[in-house]
Amino acid sequence: YRRRFLKFCTIGASGVLVNMAVLYLGREYLFTAIPWPHISLNLSLAFAVLCATISNFAGNRHWTWRDRRKDHMGKAIPLQFGQYALACWLGIALQFIFTNVLAIYFYYLVANLMSIVLASIFNYLVNDRWTFCKRAKEQVE
């Protein structure tokens, strides 16, 4: 599990870079014609999150859980992506909740970092057991 979790975290870190790059490109180039800065920022952010989610899904599917590919031949990629995206959004919600609770006791940046770790563990476990799970032997045959 440790090696797979490290792969998962590496893909997550690459997703942060994708998110930041797309956010910058959206804000500085793609959505500059929109006269309202708030809307331009939110469109850029939504596009950045979408691109990072797709990038992370592809990376995790092809690297982190590569050994389980045979188990997923019958599962439609859009369905698997939907499961992955749902797990990500649940993780984001947990991070939000944990940060707010932990910020009562810790400096908010420390609370957020702790929450990211907790949410990452949650995301890993959900994706390992649901999105990219091994099928039962009797289902494969």
Protein backbone atom coordinates (compact mmCIF):
# COMPACT_ATOMS: atom_id res chain seq x y z
CA TYR A 1 0.00 0.00 0.00
CA ARG A 2 2.81 2.40 0.77
CA ARG A 3 4.23 2.39 -2.76
CA ARG A 4 0.81 2.82 -4.34
CA PHE A 5 -0.01 5.66 -1.92
CA LEU A 6 3.25 7.42 -2.85
CA LYS A 7 2.31 7.10 -6.53
CA PHE A 8 -1.12 8.52 -5.70
CA CYS A 9 0.49 11.48 -3.91
CA THR A 10 2.88 12.07 -6.82
CA ILE A 11 -0.03 12.20 -9.24
CA GLY A 12 -1.80 14.56 -6.84
CA ALA A 13 1.23 16.86 -6.79
CA SER A 14 1.31 16.90 -10.59
CA GLY A 15 -2.38 17.79 -10.49
CA VAL A 16 -1.58 20.84 -8.38
CA LEU A 17 0.83 21.98 -11.11
CA VAL A 18 -1.80 21.38 -13.82
CA ASN A 19 -4.37 23.26 -11.73
CA MET A 20 -2.09 26.24 -11.20
CA ALA A 21 -0.98 26.41 -14.85
CA VAL A 22 -4.52 26.18 -16.22
CA LEU A 23 -5.78 28.70 -13.66
CA TYR A 24 -3.08 31.14 -14.80
CA LEU A 25 -3.77 30.54 -18.51
CA GLY A 26 -7.50 30.91 -17.98
CA ARG A 27 -7.23 34.08 -15.95
CA GLU A 28 -4.53 35.74 -18.05
CA TYR A 29 -5.51 34.59 -21.57
CA LEU A 30 -8.63 32.44 -22.07
CA PHE A 31 -11.21 34.48 -20.18
CA THR A 32 -9.78 38.01 -20.46
CA ALA A 33 -12.69 39.15 -22.64
CA ILE A 34 -15.05 38.72 -19.69
CA PRO A 35 -15.35 42.15 -18.06
CA TRP A 36 -16.24 40.89 -14.57
CA PRO A 37 -13.10 39.75 -12.68
CA HIS A 38 -15.05 37.52 -10.29
CA ILE A 39 -16.68 35.59 -13.13
CA SER A 40 -13.42 35.37 -15.04
CA LEU A 41 -11.68 33.97 -11.96
CA ASN A 42 -14.42 31.42 -11.28
CA LEU A 43 -14.51 30.21 -14.88
CA SER A 44 -10.73 29.89 -14.83
CA LEU A 45 -10.85 28.03 -11.55
CA ALA A 46 -13.58 25.65 -12.73
CA PHE A 47 -11.62 24.91 -15.90
CA ALA A 48 -8.44 24.39 -13.84
CA VAL A 49 -10.15 21.96 -11.47
CA LEU A 50 -11.66 20.04 -14.40
CA CYS A 51 -8.29 19.75 -16.18
CA ALA A 52 -6.49 18.70 -12.99
CA THR A 53 -9.17 16.11 -12.20
CA ILE A 54 -8.91 14.61 -15.71
CA SER A 55 -5.10 14.64 -15.50
CA ASN A 56 -5.09 12.99 -12.08
CA PHE A 57 -7.64 10.39 -13.16
CA ALA A 58 -5.57 9.46 -16.23
CA GLY A 59 -2.35 9.34 -14.23
CA ASN A 60 -3.82 7.24 -11.46
CA ARG A 61 -5.56 4.91 -13.90
CA HIS A 62 -2.42 4.36 -15.96
CA TRP A 63 0.24 4.40 -13.24
CA THR A 64 -1.02 4.12 -9.65
CA TRP A 65 -3.51 1.32 -10.33
CA ARG A 66 -1.92 0.00 -13.55
CA ASP A 67 -1.82 -3.55 -12.16
CA ARG A 68 -5.62 -3.56 -11.91
CA ARG A 69 -6.29 -2.66 -15.54
CA LYS A 70 -7.63 -6.13 -16.39
CA ASP A 71 -10.16 -5.73 -13.60
CA HIS A 72 -11.54 -2.61 -15.28
CA MET A 73 -11.85 -3.74 -18.89
CA GLY A 74 -15.62 -4.06 -18.50
CA LYS A 75 -16.07 -0.78 -16.63
CA ALA A 76 -16.81 2.21 -18.84
CA ILE A 77 -14.26 4.98 -18.51
CA PRO A 78 -16.95 7.68 -18.01
CA LEU A 79 -18.39 5.65 -15.11
CA GLN A 80 -14.95 5.19 -13.58
CA PHE A 81 -14.19 8.89 -14.05
CA GLY A 82 -17.50 9.75 -12.36
CA GLN A 83 -16.55 7.60 -9.39
CA TYR A 84 -13.13 9.25 -9.26
CA ALA A 85 -14.58 12.76 -9.47
CA LEU A 86 -17.14 11.99 -6.75
CA ALA A 87 -14.37 10.70 -4.47
CA CYS A 88 -12.39 13.90 -5.15
CA TRP A 89 -15.35 16.12 -4.31
CA LEU A 90 -16.03 14.20 -1.11
CA GLY A 91 -12.36 14.65 -0.23
CA ILE A 92 -12.60 18.38 -0.88
CA ALA A 93 -15.67 18.60 1.37
CA LEU A 94 -13.81 16.70 4.11
CA GLN A 95 -10.82 18.99 3.74
CA PHE A 96 -13.08 22.00 4.14
CA ILE A 97 -14.74 20.55 7.25
CA PHE A 98 -11.47 19.34 8.82
CA THR A 99 -9.75 22.68 8.19
CA ASN A 100 -12.55 24.59 9.88
CA VAL A 101 -12.61 22.26 12.88
CA LEU A 102 -8.83 22.02 13.27
CA ALA A 103 -8.41 25.79 12.84
CA ILE A 104 -10.05 26.14 16.24
CA TYR A 105 -7.00 24.43 17.76
CA PHE A 106 -4.19 25.12 15.28
CA TYR A 107 -2.93 27.94 13.05
CA TYR A 108 -5.13 27.86 9.94
CA LEU A 109 -2.30 26.90 7.55
CA VAL A 110 -1.28 24.01 9.80
CA ALA A 111 -4.93 23.00 10.09
CA ASN A 112 -5.26 23.06 6.30
CA LEU A 113 -2.10 20.99 5.80
CA MET A 114 -3.36 18.41 8.30
CA SER A 115 -6.69 18.38 6.50
CA ILE A 116 -5.03 17.84 3.13
CA VAL A 117 -3.25 14.80 4.55
CA LEU A 118 -6.48 13.41 6.02
CA ALA A 119 -8.44 14.07 2.83
CA SER A 120 -5.68 12.49 0.73
CA ILE A 121 -5.83 9.32 2.80
CA PHE A 122 -9.61 9.28 2.41
CA ASN A 123 -9.35 9.84 -1.37
CA TYR A 124 -6.77 7.10 -1.71
CA LEU A 125 -8.86 4.57 0.22
CA VAL A 126 -12.07 5.37 -1.66
CA ASN A 127 -10.35 5.15 -5.03
CA ASP A 128 -8.48 1.99 -4.06
CA ARG A 129 -11.61 0.22 -2.87
CA TRP A 130 -14.23 1.66 -5.21
CA THR A 131 -12.97 3.41 -8.36
CA PHE A 132 -10.03 1.13 -9.11
CA CYS A 133 -11.03 -1.88 -7.00
CA LYS A 134 -10.24 -5.45 -7.88
CA ARG A 135 -13.28 -7.38 -8.95
CA ALA A 136 -14.15 -10.54 -7.08
CA LYS A 137 -12.74 -13.66 -8.72
CA GLU A 138 -16.16 -15.06 -9.56
CA GLN A 139 -17.09 -11.82 -11.35
CA VAL A 140 -13.95 -11.96 -13.52
CA GLU A 141 -14.53 -15.52 -14.72
